[in-house]
Amino acid sequence: MINSTGALALKEVPKKLVVIGGGYIGTELGTAYANFGTEVVILEGGDEILPGFEKQMSSLVKRNLKKKKGNVEIHTNALAKRR
């Protein structure tokens, strides 16, 4: 598991990426990696990604992600795995 800073410092583009949180940072990272060809899933616990933005914006982002092998899962929470 890495944070947003670590995601920006990856040496290689991952084949798959799960982003926890659909706020503007998570959505931007997910969209950027989808543009590089990564299969992206954004997990958002709330009703919609990009809370506080116009609903049209979140709809546009979701459509663009789907075109690039991306997906958004709302009302979804990630659980930590203990080592």
Foldseek 3Di string as FASTA:
>chain_A
DDDLVVLVVDPDQDQEDEFEAQAPSSLVSQLVSLVVLHQYEYEELADFHHPPDDPVVRVVSQVSSVVSNYHYHYNDHDDDDDD
